[in-house]
Protein backbone atom coordinates (compact mmCIF):
# COMPACT_ATOMS: atom_id res chain seq x y z
CA MET A 1 117.03 231.96 154.26
CA ASN A 2 116.24 234.81 156.62
CA SER A 3 118.36 234.48 159.76
CA GLY A 4 115.46 235.89 161.84
CA MET A 5 113.21 232.97 160.95
CA ILE A 6 113.00 229.91 163.13
CA GLN A 7 113.88 226.57 161.54
CA LEU A 8 110.98 224.10 161.60
CA SER A 9 113.04 221.66 163.67
CA GLU A 10 113.79 224.42 166.23
CA GLN A 11 110.18 225.59 166.73
CA PRO A 12 109.25 223.22 169.57
CA PHE A 13 112.30 224.33 171.54
CA PHE A 14 111.63 228.00 170.79
CA TYR A 15 108.09 227.87 172.15
CA MET A 16 109.10 225.84 175.20
CA ARG A 17 111.89 228.32 175.91
CA GLN A 18 109.47 231.26 175.66
CA ALA A 19 107.18 229.68 178.25
CA LEU A 20 110.14 228.94 180.53
CA VAL A 21 111.34 232.55 180.29
CA GLU A 22 107.84 233.77 181.13
CA ALA A 23 107.77 231.48 184.17
CA LYS A 24 111.16 232.69 185.35
CA LEU A 25 110.01 236.32 185.06
CA LEU A 26 106.95 235.75 187.24
CA THR A 27 106.53 238.73 189.53
CA LYS A 28 105.00 238.86 192.99
CA LYS A 29 102.09 240.78 191.50
CA HIS A 30 101.35 238.03 188.97
CA ALA A 31 101.96 235.36 191.62
CA CYS A 32 98.86 236.67 193.41
CA ASP A 33 96.72 235.83 190.37
CA ALA A 34 95.70 232.21 191.00
CA VAL A 35 94.37 231.70 187.47
CA TYR A 36 97.58 232.97 185.86
CA VAL A 37 99.80 230.89 188.16
CA THR A 38 97.70 227.75 187.66
CA THR A 39 97.83 228.22 183.88
CA LEU A 40 101.59 228.72 184.04
CA ALA A 41 101.98 225.60 186.23
CA GLU A 42 99.95 223.57 183.71
CA GLU A 43 102.14 224.87 180.88
CA LEU A 44 105.26 223.80 182.80
CA HIS A 45 103.65 220.40 183.36
CA ASP A 46 103.05 220.04 179.59
CA ILE A 47 106.62 221.11 178.83
CA GLU A 48 107.92 218.55 181.32
CA ALA A 49 105.92 215.81 179.57
CA LYS A 50 107.42 216.83 176.21
CA ILE A 51 110.93 216.89 177.67
CA ILE A 52 110.42 213.41 179.13
CA ALA A 53 109.33 212.18 175.71
CA LEU A 54 112.40 213.75 174.09
CA GLU A 55 114.68 212.29 176.76
CA SER A 56 113.27 208.81 176.25
CA ALA A 57 113.52 209.17 172.45
CA ASP A 58 117.21 210.06 172.83
CA HIS A 59 117.84 206.95 174.95
CA PRO A 60 116.21 203.98 173.22
CA GLY A 61 115.79 200.85 175.25
CA PRO A 62 113.18 199.33 177.49
CA THR A 63 110.40 201.83 177.86
CA VAL A 64 109.35 202.65 181.35
CA SER A 65 106.21 204.71 181.65
CA VAL A 66 107.44 207.80 183.44
CA GLY A 67 105.29 210.87 183.45
CA PRO A 68 105.81 214.37 184.64
CA GLU A 69 105.72 215.15 188.31
CA PRO A 70 102.09 215.67 189.37
CA LEU A 71 100.98 219.25 189.76
CA PRO A 72 100.79 220.44 193.35
CA GLN A 73 97.35 220.21 194.95
CA PHE A 74 97.72 223.85 195.97
CA VAL A 75 98.26 226.91 193.80
CA PRO A 76 102.04 226.99 193.46
CA GLY A 77 103.90 230.12 194.44
CA ALA A 78 106.47 232.11 192.56
CA GLU A 79 109.33 230.10 194.09
CA TRP A 80 107.89 226.78 192.85
CA ILE A 81 107.32 228.27 189.37
CA HIS A 82 110.87 229.69 189.24
CA ASN A 83 112.46 226.44 190.46
CA LYS A 84 110.48 224.27 188.03
CA ALA A 85 111.28 226.60 185.11
CA CYS A 86 115.01 226.49 185.94
CA GLU A 87 114.93 222.69 186.23
CA LEU A 88 113.13 222.29 182.90
CA GLU A 89 115.41 224.78 181.16
CA ALA A 90 118.47 222.80 182.27
CA ARG A 91 116.92 219.54 181.08
CA LEU A 92 115.94 221.12 177.76
CA ARG A 93 119.45 222.48 177.30
CA ARG A 94 120.88 218.96 177.78
CA ILE A 95 118.67 217.36 175.14
CA GLU A 96 118.28 220.18 172.62
CA PRO A 97 121.48 219.58 170.63
CA SER A 98 120.91 215.83 170.52
CA SER A 99 117.34 216.21 169.23
CA ALA A 100 118.15 217.63 165.82
CA ASP A 101 116.13 214.87 164.17
CA SER A 102 112.77 216.51 163.46
CA ARG A 103 111.09 213.10 163.30
CA VAL A 104 111.30 212.88 167.08
CA SER A 105 109.34 216.11 167.43
CA ASP A 106 106.75 214.89 164.96
CA GLU A 107 106.35 211.58 166.80
CA ILE A 108 105.61 213.20 170.16
CA GLY A 109 103.39 215.91 168.73
CA ILE A 110 105.38 219.04 169.45
């Protein structure tokens, strides 16, 4: 197998990581673009929902309906985007090795 190719089970993590890197590289210039920042915030919100699903799949037990933190009612700034991306990256790093079972990814639609 080509070492440059992404394993099917690693794809969800790869694409989430790319979005998190993009968020962490947000510049002041891009932070002034409300549409770009709102789109990035929505992407982080979607990633957070997927991470929550992976976290709950890794810890079976009574299911409590916990969703991602609601998006701010204002257009978030670069600091909010950077902080959220760092938080999600840390959470993803904690669950990534324990989510090797590709069935989990299939079940949550990522």
